PDB file of all heavy atoms in Angstrom:
ATOM      1  N   ARG A   1     100.947 108.667  99.995  1.00  0.00           N
ATOM      2  CA  ARG A   1     101.069 107.502  99.038  1.00  0.00           C
ATOM      3  C   ARG A   1      99.765 106.847  99.007  1.00  0.00           C
ATOM      4  O   ARG A   1      99.361 106.270  97.990  1.00  0.00           O
ATOM      5  CB  ARG A   1     102.079 106.541  99.580  1.00  0.00           C
ATOM      6  CG  ARG A   1     103.496 107.135  99.572  1.00  0.00           C
ATOM      7  CD  ARG A   1     104.567 106.103  99.789  1.00  0.00           C
ATOM      8  NE  ARG A   1     104.416 105.495 101.115  1.00  0.00           N
ATOM      9  CZ  ARG A   1     104.298 104.200 101.242  1.00  0.00           C
ATOM     10  NH1 ARG A   1     104.265 103.307 100.129  1.00  0.00           N
ATOM     11  NH2 ARG A   1     104.132 103.642 102.496  1.00  0.00           N
ATOM     12  N   PHE A   2      99.037 106.749 100.196  1.00  0.00           N
ATOM     13  CA  PHE A   2      97.804 105.923 100.259  1.00  0.00           C
ATOM     14  C   PHE A   2      96.542 106.940 100.317  1.00  0.00           C
ATOM     15  O   PHE A   2      96.743 107.979 101.031  1.00  0.00           O
ATOM     16  CB  PHE A   2      97.721 105.080 101.512  1.00  0.00           C
ATOM     17  CG  PHE A   2      98.638 103.880 101.372  1.00  0.00           C
ATOM     18  CD1 PHE A   2      99.704 103.814 100.445  1.00  0.00           C
ATOM     19  CD2 PHE A   2      98.608 102.937 102.318  1.00  0.00           C
ATOM     20  CE1 PHE A   2     100.538 102.663 100.354  1.00  0.00           C
ATOM     21  CE2 PHE A   2      99.430 101.805 102.302  1.00  0.00           C
ATOM     22  CZ  PHE A   2     100.435 101.671 101.245  1.00  0.00           C
ATOM     23  N   THR A   3      95.383 106.555  99.721  1.00  0.00           N
ATOM     24  CA  THR A   3      94.204 107.363  99.938  1.00  0.00           C
ATOM     25  C   THR A   3      93.099 106.395 100.288  1.00  0.00           C
ATOM     26  O   THR A   3      92.792 105.392  99.565  1.00  0.00           O
ATOM     27  CB  THR A   3      93.860 108.095  98.618  1.00  0.00           C
ATOM     28  OG1 THR A   3      94.953 108.829  98.249  1.00  0.00           O
ATOM     29  CG2 THR A   3      92.579 108.818  98.731  1.00  0.00           C
ATOM     30  N   ILE A   4      92.333 106.735 101.324  1.00  0.00           N
ATOM     31  CA  ILE A   4      91.197 105.977 101.829  1.00  0.00           C
ATOM     32  C   ILE A   4      89.919 106.628 101.236  1.00  0.00           C
ATOM     33  O   ILE A   4      89.900 107.889 101.307  1.00  0.00           O
ATOM     34  CB  ILE A   4      91.235 105.797 103.321  1.00  0.00           C
ATOM     35  CG1 ILE A   4      90.162 104.746 103.722  1.00  0.00           C
ATOM     36  CG2 ILE A   4      91.060 107.120 104.004  1.00  0.00           C
ATOM     37  CD1 ILE A   4      90.288 104.384 105.249  1.00  0.00           C
ATOM     38  N   SER A   5      88.961 105.885 101.004  1.00  0.00           N
ATOM     39  CA  SER A   5      87.694 106.449 100.559  1.00  0.00           C
ATOM     40  C   SER A   5      86.597 105.428 100.905  1.00  0.00           C
ATOM     41  O   SER A   5      86.850 104.318 101.012  1.00  0.00           O
ATOM     42  CB  SER A   5      87.568 106.749  99.107  1.00  0.00           C
ATOM     43  OG  SER A   5      87.827 105.635  98.294  1.00  0.00           O
ATOM     44  N   ARG A   6      85.365 105.925 101.038  1.00  0.00           N
ATOM     45  CA  ARG A   6      84.138 105.102 101.357  1.00  0.00           C
ATOM     46  C   ARG A   6      83.001 105.580 100.633  1.00  0.00           C
ATOM     47  O   ARG A   6      82.930 106.787 100.333  1.00  0.00           O
ATOM     48  CB  ARG A   6      83.979 105.143 102.848  1.00  0.00           C
ATOM     49  CG  ARG A   6      83.534 106.441 103.408  1.00  0.00           C
ATOM     50  CD  ARG A   6      83.400 106.296 104.908  1.00  0.00           C
ATOM     51  NE  ARG A   6      82.180 105.535 105.445  1.00  0.00           N
ATOM     52  CZ  ARG A   6      81.951 105.467 106.711  1.00  0.00           C
ATOM     53  NH1 ARG A   6      82.835 105.843 107.713  1.00  0.00           N
ATOM     54  NH2 ARG A   6      80.811 104.856 107.148  1.00  0.00           N
ATOM     55  N   ASP A   7      82.143 104.681 100.237  1.00  0.00           N
ATOM     56  CA  ASP A   7      80.792 105.031  99.608  1.00  0.00           C
ATOM     57  C   ASP A   7      79.786 104.575 100.593  1.00  0.00           C
ATOM     58  O   ASP A   7      79.474 103.407 100.843  1.00  0.00           O
ATOM     59  CB  ASP A   7      80.710 104.237  98.357  1.00  0.00           C
ATOM     60  CG  ASP A   7      79.444 104.633  97.600  1.00  0.00           C
ATOM     61  OD1 ASP A   7      78.390 104.941  98.217  1.00  0.00           O
ATOM     62  OD2 ASP A   7      79.531 104.630  96.393  1.00  0.00           O
ATOM     63  N   ASN A   8      79.140 105.516 101.358  1.00  0.00           N
ATOM     64  CA  ASN A   8      78.262 105.243 102.392  1.00  0.00           C
ATOM     65  C   ASN A   8      76.910 104.596 101.844  1.00  0.00           C
ATOM     66  O   ASN A   8      76.299 103.754 102.443  1.00  0.00           O
ATOM     67  CB  ASN A   8      77.853 106.422 103.241  1.00  0.00           C
ATOM     68  CG  ASN A   8      78.945 106.980 103.978  1.00  0.00           C
ATOM     69  OD1 ASN A   8      79.888 106.191 104.396  1.00  0.00           O
ATOM     70  ND2 ASN A   8      79.061 108.318 104.170  1.00  0.00           N
ATOM     71  N   ALA A   9      76.586 104.878 100.551  1.00  0.00           N
ATOM     72  CA  ALA A   9      75.470 104.332  99.988  1.00  0.00           C
ATOM     73  C   ALA A   9      75.622 102.778  99.652  1.00  0.00           C
ATOM     74  O   ALA A   9      74.683 101.987  99.792  1.00  0.00           O
ATOM     75  CB  ALA A   9      74.981 105.062  98.788  1.00  0.00           C
ATOM     76  N   LYS A  10      76.801 102.522  99.196  1.00  0.00           N
ATOM     77  CA  LYS A  10      77.167 101.121  98.877  1.00  0.00           C
ATOM     78  C   LYS A  10      77.797 100.260  99.923  1.00  0.00           C
ATOM     79  O   LYS A  10      78.057  99.093  99.782  1.00  0.00           O
ATOM     80  CB  LYS A  10      78.035 101.171  97.606  1.00  0.00           C
ATOM     81  CG  LYS A  10      77.375 101.748  96.379  1.00  0.00           C
ATOM     82  CD  LYS A  10      78.338 101.647  95.195  1.00  0.00           C
ATOM     83  CE  LYS A  10      77.688 102.281  93.947  1.00  0.00           C
ATOM     84  NZ  LYS A  10      78.578 102.266  92.773  1.00  0.00           N
ATOM     85  N   ASN A  11      78.175 101.033 101.033  1.00  0.00           N
ATOM     86  CA  ASN A  11      78.837 100.302 102.186  1.00  0.00           C
ATOM     87  C   ASN A  11      80.054  99.684 101.766  1.00  0.00           C
ATOM     88  O   ASN A  11      80.345  98.549 102.108  1.00  0.00           O
ATOM     89  CB  ASN A  11      77.829  99.311 102.847  1.00  0.00           C
ATOM     90  CG  ASN A  11      76.671 100.030 103.453  1.00  0.00           C
ATOM     91  OD1 ASN A  11      76.757 100.940 104.307  1.00  0.00           O
ATOM     92  ND2 ASN A  11      75.500  99.541 103.152  1.00  0.00           N
ATOM     93  N   THR A  12      80.902 100.514 101.000  1.00  0.00           N
ATOM     94  CA  THR A  12      82.178  99.999 100.690  1.00  0.00           C
ATOM     95  C   THR A  12      83.255 100.921 101.114  1.00  0.00           C
ATOM     96  O   THR A  12      83.063 102.131 101.306  1.00  0.00           O
ATOM     97  CB  THR A  12      82.258  99.864  99.111  1.00  0.00           C
ATOM     98  OG1 THR A  12      81.935 101.075  98.529  1.00  0.00           O
ATOM     99  CG2 THR A  12      81.291  98.778  98.483  1.00  0.00           C
ATOM    100  N   LEU A  13      84.395 100.325 101.262  1.00  0.00           N
ATOM    101  CA  LEU A  13      85.624 101.092 101.717  1.00  0.00           C
ATOM    102  C   LEU A  13      86.731 100.666 100.772  1.00  0.00           C
ATOM    103  O   LEU A  13      86.951  99.505 100.483  1.00  0.00           O
ATOM    104  CB  LEU A  13      85.991 100.732 103.155  1.00  0.00           C
ATOM    105  CG  LEU A  13      87.199 101.349 103.700  1.00  0.00           C
ATOM    106  CD1 LEU A  13      86.968 102.849 104.022  1.00  0.00           C
ATOM    107  CD2 LEU A  13      87.635 100.640 105.001  1.00  0.00           C
ATOM    108  N   ASP A  14      87.453 101.682 100.342  1.00  0.00           N
ATOM    109  CA  ASP A  14      88.602 101.402  99.371  1.00  0.00           C
ATOM    110  C   ASP A  14      89.959 102.020  99.976  1.00  0.00           C
ATOM    111  O   ASP A  14      89.824 103.014 100.772  1.00  0.00           O
ATOM    112  CB  ASP A  14      88.411 102.051  98.013  1.00  0.00           C
ATOM    113  CG  ASP A  14      87.351 101.299  97.281  1.00  0.00           C
ATOM    114  OD1 ASP A  14      87.017 100.160  97.467  1.00  0.00           O
ATOM    115  OD2 ASP A  14      86.607 101.948  96.371  1.00  0.00           O
ATOM    116  N   LEU A  15      91.005 101.451  99.459  1.00  0.00           N
ATOM    117  CA  LEU A  15      92.278 102.026  99.837  1.00  0.00           C
ATOM    118  C   LEU A  15      93.200 101.947  98.614  1.00  0.00           C
ATOM    119  O   LEU A  15      93.518 100.854  98.082  1.00  0.00           O
ATOM    120  CB  LEU A  15      93.026 101.201 100.948  1.00  0.00           C
ATOM    121  CG  LEU A  15      94.319 101.785 101.466  1.00  0.00           C
ATOM    122  CD1 LEU A  15      94.109 102.997 102.253  1.00  0.00           C
ATOM    123  CD2 LEU A  15      95.074 100.734 102.280  1.00  0.00           C
ATOM    124  N   GLN A  16      93.491 103.153  98.086  1.00  0.00           N
ATOM    125  CA  GLN A  16      94.354 103.315  96.931  1.00  0.00           C
ATOM    126  C   GLN A  16      95.714 103.389  97.329  1.00  0.00           C
ATOM    127  O   GLN A  16      96.043 104.349  98.139  1.00  0.00           O
ATOM    128  CB  GLN A  16      93.944 104.450  96.034  1.00  0.00           C
ATOM    129  CG  GLN A  16      94.942 104.655  94.800  1.00  0.00           C
ATOM    130  CD  GLN A  16      94.789 103.566  93.836  1.00  0.00           C
ATOM    131  OE1 GLN A  16      93.685 103.083  93.540  1.00  0.00           O
ATOM    132  NE2 GLN A  16      95.919 103.082  93.330  1.00  0.00           N
ATOM    133  N   MET A  17      96.583 102.442  97.007  1.00  0.00           N
ATOM    134  CA  MET A  17      97.972 102.392  97.493  1.00  0.00           C
ATOM    135  C   MET A  17      98.924 102.539  96.264  1.00  0.00           C
ATOM    136  O   MET A  17      99.045 101.817  95.387  1.00  0.00           O
ATOM    137  CB  MET A  17      98.366 101.116  98.126  1.00  0.00           C
ATOM    138  CG  MET A  17      97.351 100.750  99.279  1.00  0.00           C
ATOM    139  SD  MET A  17      97.800  99.278 100.143  1.00  0.00           S
ATOM    140  CE  MET A  17      97.617  98.010  98.880  1.00  0.00           C
ATOM    141  N   ASN A  18      99.668 103.834  96.403  1.00  0.00           N
ATOM    142  CA  ASN A  18     100.626 104.098  95.323  1.00  0.00           C
ATOM    143  C   ASN A  18     102.083 104.088  95.934  1.00  0.00           C
ATOM    144  O   ASN A  18     102.249 104.199  97.018  1.00  0.00           O
ATOM    145  CB  ASN A  18     100.282 105.449  94.692  1.00  0.00           C
ATOM    146  CG  ASN A  18      98.941 105.497  94.065  1.00  0.00           C
ATOM    147  OD1 ASN A  18      98.419 104.549  93.555  1.00  0.00           O
ATOM    148  ND2 ASN A  18      98.260 106.649  94.136  1.00  0.00           N
ATOM    149  N   SER A  19     103.036 104.010  94.974  1.00  0.00           N
ATOM    150  CA  SER A  19     104.381 104.125  95.366  1.00  0.00           C
ATOM    151  C   SER A  19     104.704 103.118  96.517  1.00  0.00           C
ATOM    152  O   SER A  19     105.304 103.451  97.495  1.00  0.00           O
ATOM    153  CB  SER A  19     104.730 105.522  95.792  1.00  0.00           C
ATOM    154  OG  SER A  19     104.540 106.493  94.823  1.00  0.00           O
ATOM    155  N   LEU A  20     104.208 101.914  96.236  1.00  0.00           N
ATOM    156  CA  LEU A  20     104.344 100.868  97.318  1.00  0.00           C
ATOM    157  C   LEU A  20     105.782 100.536  97.524  1.00  0.00           C
ATOM    158  O   LEU A  20     106.716 100.656  96.645  1.00  0.00           O
ATOM    159  CB  LEU A  20     103.661  99.589  96.788  1.00  0.00           C
ATOM    160  CG  LEU A  20     102.120  99.767  97.101  1.00  0.00           C
ATOM    161  CD1 LEU A  20     101.370  98.724  96.214  1.00  0.00           C
ATOM    162  CD2 LEU A  20     101.813  99.657  98.451  1.00  0.00           C
ATOM    163  N   LYS A  21     106.127 100.208  98.785  1.00  0.00           N
ATOM    164  CA  LYS A  21     107.506  99.836  99.214  1.00  0.00           C
ATOM    165  C   LYS A  21     107.422  98.470  99.793  1.00  0.00           C
ATOM    166  O   LYS A  21     106.407  97.917 100.323  1.00  0.00           O
ATOM    167  CB  LYS A  21     107.924 100.814 100.322  1.00  0.00           C
ATOM    168  CG  LYS A  21     107.873 102.238  99.928  1.00  0.00           C
ATOM    169  CD  LYS A  21     108.247 103.157 101.104  1.00  0.00           C
ATOM    170  CE  LYS A  21     108.171 104.701 100.711  1.00  0.00           C
ATOM    171  NZ  LYS A  21     108.492 105.558 101.833  1.00  0.00           N
ATOM    172  N   PRO A  22     108.625  97.816  99.844  1.00  0.00           N
ATOM    173  CA  PRO A  22     108.621  96.469 100.440  1.00  0.00           C
ATOM    174  C   PRO A  22     108.152  96.417 101.869  1.00  0.00           C
ATOM    175  O   PRO A  22     107.567  95.444 102.281  1.00  0.00           O
ATOM    176  CB  PRO A  22     110.116  96.107 100.376  1.00  0.00           C
ATOM    177  CG  PRO A  22     110.608  96.828  99.160  1.00  0.00           C
ATOM    178  CD  PRO A  22     109.875  98.095  99.142  1.00  0.00           C
ATOM    179  N   GLU A  23     108.359  97.552 102.635  1.00  0.00           N
ATOM    180  CA  GLU A  23     107.823  97.606 104.015  1.00  0.00           C
ATOM    181  C   GLU A  23     106.345  97.670 104.190  1.00  0.00           C
ATOM    182  O   GLU A  23     105.899  97.656 105.224  1.00  0.00           O
ATOM    183  CB  GLU A  23     108.562  98.740 104.763  1.00  0.00           C
ATOM    184  CG  GLU A  23     108.573 100.053 104.113  1.00  0.00           C
ATOM    185  CD  GLU A  23     109.805 100.338 103.289  1.00  0.00           C
ATOM    186  OE1 GLU A  23     110.291  99.454 102.601  1.00  0.00           O
ATOM    187  OE2 GLU A  23     110.240 101.559 103.342  1.00  0.00           O
ATOM    188  N   ASP A  24     105.669  97.808 102.999  1.00  0.00           N
ATOM    189  CA  ASP A  24     104.166  97.834 103.026  1.00  0.00           C
ATOM    190  C   ASP A  24     103.639  96.396 102.954  1.00  0.00           C
ATOM    191  O   ASP A  24     102.462  96.173 103.123  1.00  0.00           O
ATOM    192  CB  ASP A  24     103.646  98.550 101.818  1.00  0.00           C
ATOM    193  CG  ASP A  24     104.017 100.044 101.931  1.00  0.00           C
ATOM    194  OD1 ASP A  24     103.854 100.703 102.978  1.00  0.00           O
ATOM    195  OD2 ASP A  24     104.305 100.659 100.868  1.00  0.00           O
ATOM    196  N   THR A  25     104.486  95.457 102.842  1.00  0.00           N
ATOM    197  CA  THR A  25     104.162  94.006 102.763  1.00  0.00           C
ATOM    198  C   THR A  25     103.474  93.657 104.075  1.00  0.00           C
ATOM    199  O   THR A  25     104.011  93.803 105.175  1.00  0.00           O
ATOM    200  CB  THR A  25     105.297  93.127 102.491  1.00  0.00           C
ATOM    201  OG1 THR A  25     105.821  93.363 101.217  1.00  0.00           O
ATOM    202  CG2 THR A  25     104.950  91.660 102.561  1.00  0.00           C
ATOM    203  N   ALA A  26     102.269  93.143 103.942  1.00  0.00           N
ATOM    204  CA  ALA A  26     101.507  92.753 105.252  1.00  0.00           C
ATOM    205  C   ALA A  26     100.107  92.182 104.796  1.00  0.00           C
ATOM    206  O   ALA A  26      99.812  92.159 103.563  1.00  0.00           O
ATOM    207  CB  ALA A  26     101.247  93.964 106.113  1.00  0.00           C
ATOM    208  N   VAL A  27      99.423  91.630 105.765  1.00  0.00           N
ATOM    209  CA  VAL A  27      98.086  91.276 105.638  1.00  0.00           C
ATOM    210  C   VAL A  27      97.239  92.578 105.973  1.00  0.00           C
ATOM    211  O   VAL A  27      97.459  93.171 107.048  1.00  0.00           O
ATOM    212  CB  VAL A  27      97.654  90.070 106.444  1.00  0.00           C
ATOM    213  CG1 VAL A  27      96.174  89.892 106.249  1.00  0.00           C
ATOM    214  CG2 VAL A  27      98.404  88.856 106.124  1.00  0.00           C
ATOM    215  N   TYR A  28      96.401  93.002 105.076  1.00  0.00           N
ATOM    216  CA  TYR A  28      95.643  94.179 105.358  1.00  0.00           C
ATOM    217  C   TYR A  28      94.130  93.828 105.637  1.00  0.00           C
ATOM    218  O   TYR A  28      93.557  93.013 105.032  1.00  0.00           O
ATOM    219  CB  TYR A  28      95.604  95.105 103.973  1.00  0.00           C
ATOM    220  CG  TYR A  28      96.860  95.864 103.821  1.00  0.00           C
ATOM    221  CD1 TYR A  28      98.097  95.182 103.512  1.00  0.00           C
ATOM    222  CD2 TYR A  28      96.946  97.242 103.950  1.00  0.00           C
ATOM    223  CE1 TYR A  28      99.315  95.823 103.342  1.00  0.00           C
ATOM    224  CE2 TYR A  28      98.152  97.874 103.823  1.00  0.00           C
ATOM    225  CZ  TYR A  28      99.325  97.242 103.508  1.00  0.00           C
ATOM    226  OH  TYR A  28     100.488  97.934 103.323  1.00  0.00           O
ATOM    227  N   TYR A  29      93.656  94.396 106.685  1.00  0.00           N
ATOM    228  CA  TYR A  29      92.315  94.192 107.276  1.00  0.00           C
ATOM    229  C   TYR A  29      91.440  95.385 107.163  1.00  0.00           C
ATOM    230  O   TYR A  29      91.866  96.453 107.552  1.00  0.00           O
ATOM    231  CB  TYR A  29      92.367  93.722 108.720  1.00  0.00           C
ATOM    232  CG  TYR A  29      93.251  92.385 108.942  1.00  0.00           C
ATOM    233  CD1 TYR A  29      94.642  92.415 109.179  1.00  0.00           C
ATOM    234  CD2 TYR A  29      92.634  91.243 108.915  1.00  0.00           C
ATOM    235  CE1 TYR A  29      95.316  91.293 109.365  1.00  0.00           C
ATOM    236  CE2 TYR A  29      93.326  90.063 109.132  1.00  0.00           C
ATOM    237  CZ  TYR A  29      94.703  90.091 109.359  1.00  0.00           C
ATOM    238  OH  TYR A  29      95.422  88.994 109.591  1.00  0.00           O
ATOM    239  N   CYS A  30      90.235  95.087 106.845  1.00  0.00           N
ATOM    240  CA  CYS A  30      89.180  96.128 106.906  1.00  0.00           C
ATOM    241  C   CYS A  30      88.498  96.079 108.319  1.00  0.00           C
ATOM    242  O   CYS A  30      88.260  95.040 108.796  1.00  0.00           O
ATOM    243  CB  CYS A  30      88.214  95.925 105.805  1.00  0.00           C
ATOM    244  SG  CYS A  30      86.716  96.868 105.742  1.00  0.00           S
ATOM    245  N   ARG A  31      88.262  97.214 108.848  1.00  0.00           N
ATOM    246  CA  ARG A  31      87.621  97.280 110.111  1.00  0.00           C
ATOM    247  C   ARG A  31      86.445  98.369 110.102  1.00  0.00           C
ATOM    248  O   ARG A  31      86.517  99.429 109.464  1.00  0.00           O
ATOM    249  CB  ARG A  31      88.660  97.799 111.179  1.00  0.00           C
ATOM    250  CG  ARG A  31      88.134  97.930 112.670  1.00  0.00           C
ATOM    251  CD  ARG A  31      89.338  98.441 113.460  1.00  0.00           C
ATOM    252  NE  ARG A  31      88.962  98.474 114.905  1.00  0.00           N
ATOM    253  CZ  ARG A  31      88.478  99.615 115.458  1.00  0.00           C
ATOM    254  NH1 ARG A  31      88.223 100.679 114.747  1.00  0.00           N
ATOM    255  NH2 ARG A  31      88.293  99.564 116.780  1.00  0.00           N
ATOM    256  N   LEU A  32      85.402  97.977 110.826  1.00  0.00           N
ATOM    257  CA  LEU A  32      84.297  98.834 110.832  1.00  0.00           C
ATOM    258  C   LEU A  32      83.781  98.957 112.219  1.00  0.00           C
ATOM    259  O   LEU A  32      83.794  97.967 113.005  1.00  0.00           O
ATOM    260  CB  LEU A  32      83.212  98.150 109.862  1.00  0.00           C
ATOM    261  CG  LEU A  32      81.794  98.631 109.807  1.00  0.00           C
ATOM    262  CD1 LEU A  32      81.210  98.227 108.515  1.00  0.00           C
ATOM    263  CD2 LEU A  32      80.911  98.161 110.994  1.00  0.00           C
ATOM    264  N   THR A  33      83.214 100.159 112.611  1.00  0.00           N
ATOM    265  CA  THR A  33      82.711 100.314 113.946  1.00  0.00           C
ATOM    266  C   THR A  33      81.153 100.718 113.789  1.00  0.00           C
ATOM    267  O   THR A  33      80.848 101.482 112.989  1.00  0.00           O
ATOM    268  CB  THR A  33      83.414 101.501 114.666  1.00  0.00           C
ATOM    269  OG1 THR A  33      84.738 101.121 114.875  1.00  0.00           O
ATOM    270  CG2 THR A  33      82.856 101.686 116.038  1.00  0.00           C
ATOM    271  N   GLN A  34      80.404 100.040 114.617  1.00  0.00           N
ATOM    272  CA  GLN A  34      78.884 100.173 114.546  1.00  0.00           C
ATOM    273  C   GLN A  34      78.539 100.238 115.958  1.00  0.00           C
ATOM    274  O   GLN A  34      78.372  99.146 116.588  1.00  0.00           O
ATOM    275  CB  GLN A  34      78.278  99.068 113.760  1.00  0.00           C
ATOM    276  CG  GLN A  34      76.840  99.271 113.586  1.00  0.00           C
ATOM    277  CD  GLN A  34      76.160  98.005 112.971  1.00  0.00           C
ATOM    278  OE1 GLN A  34      76.361  96.935 113.365  1.00  0.00           O
ATOM    279  NE2 GLN A  34      75.509  98.176 111.859  1.00  0.00           N
ATOM    280  N   GLY A  35      78.230 101.376 116.498  1.00  0.00           N
ATOM    281  CA  GLY A  35      77.786 101.551 117.886  1.00  0.00           C
ATOM    282  C   GLY A  35      79.009 101.050 118.818  1.00  0.00           C
ATOM    283  O   GLY A  35      80.178 101.467 118.715  1.00  0.00           O
ATOM    284  N   ILE A  36      78.705 100.120 119.611  1.00  0.00           N
ATOM    285  CA  ILE A  36      79.723  99.512 120.561  1.00  0.00           C
ATOM    286  C   ILE A  36      80.450  98.314 119.896  1.00  0.00           C
ATOM    287  O   ILE A  36      81.332  97.744 120.520  1.00  0.00           O
ATOM    288  CB  ILE A  36      79.036  99.118 121.852  1.00  0.00           C
ATOM    289  CG1 ILE A  36      78.098  97.996 121.634  1.00  0.00           C
ATOM    290  CG2 ILE A  36      78.446 100.276 122.539  1.00  0.00           C
ATOM    291  CD1 ILE A  36      77.593  97.386 122.997  1.00  0.00           C
ATOM    292  N   TYR A  37      80.146  97.979 118.645  1.00  0.00           N
ATOM    293  CA  TYR A  37      80.641  96.766 118.048  1.00  0.00           C
ATOM    294  C   TYR A  37      81.681  97.194 117.044  1.00  0.00           C
ATOM    295  O   TYR A  37      81.680  98.148 116.382  1.00  0.00           O
ATOM    296  CB  TYR A  37      79.492  95.957 117.341  1.00  0.00           C
ATOM    297  CG  TYR A  37      78.455  95.547 118.356  1.00  0.00           C
ATOM    298  CD1 TYR A  37      77.233  96.205 118.397  1.00  0.00           C
ATOM    299  CD2 TYR A  37      78.623  94.484 119.168  1.00  0.00           C
ATOM    300  CE1 TYR A  37      76.162  95.761 119.267  1.00  0.00           C
ATOM    301  CE2 TYR A  37      77.664  94.000 120.110  1.00  0.00           C
ATOM    302  CZ  TYR A  37      76.442  94.774 120.064  1.00  0.00           C
ATOM    303  OH  TYR A  37      75.470  94.254 121.028  1.00  0.00           O
ATOM    304  N   THR A  38      82.706  96.312 116.942  1.00  0.00           N
ATOM    305  CA  THR A  38      83.774  96.284 115.938  1.00  0.00           C
ATOM    306  C   THR A  38      83.800  95.094 115.109  1.00  0.00           C
ATOM    307  O   THR A  38      83.800  94.012 115.728  1.00  0.00           O
ATOM    308  CB  THR A  38      85.155  96.651 116.651  1.00  0.00           C
ATOM    309  OG1 THR A  38      85.078  97.806 117.262  1.00  0.00           O
ATOM    310  CG2 THR A  38      86.235  96.576 115.575  1.00  0.00           C
ATOM    311  N   TYR A  39      83.914  95.288 113.887  1.00  0.00           N
ATOM    312  CA  TYR A  39      83.998  94.020 112.953  1.00  0.00           C
ATOM    313  C   TYR A  39      85.288  94.073 112.125  1.00  0.00           C
ATOM    314  O   TYR A  39      85.719  95.192 111.767  1.00  0.00           O
ATOM    315  CB  TYR A  39      82.804  94.011 112.093  1.00  0.00           C
ATOM    316  CG  TYR A  39      81.469  93.893 112.677  1.00  0.00           C
ATOM    317  CD1 TYR A  39      80.715  95.029 113.095  1.00  0.00           C
ATOM    318  CD2 TYR A  39      80.995  92.717 113.129  1.00  0.00           C
ATOM    319  CE1 TYR A  39      79.481  94.942 113.680  1.00  0.00           C
ATOM    320  CE2 TYR A  39      79.726  92.487 113.742  1.00  0.00           C
ATOM    321  CZ  TYR A  39      78.992  93.665 114.073  1.00  0.00           C
ATOM    322  OH  TYR A  39      77.779  93.596 114.742  1.00  0.00           O
TER     323      TYR A  39
END
């Protein structure tokens, strides 16, 4: 149902969410790892 993609040149991250269900209700967070750091 979901597809994740990234553009390394633009430093963007996308999440295409299809066929959504009520149980998908939530706050969605983007996370990135760079060396020993997490953002």
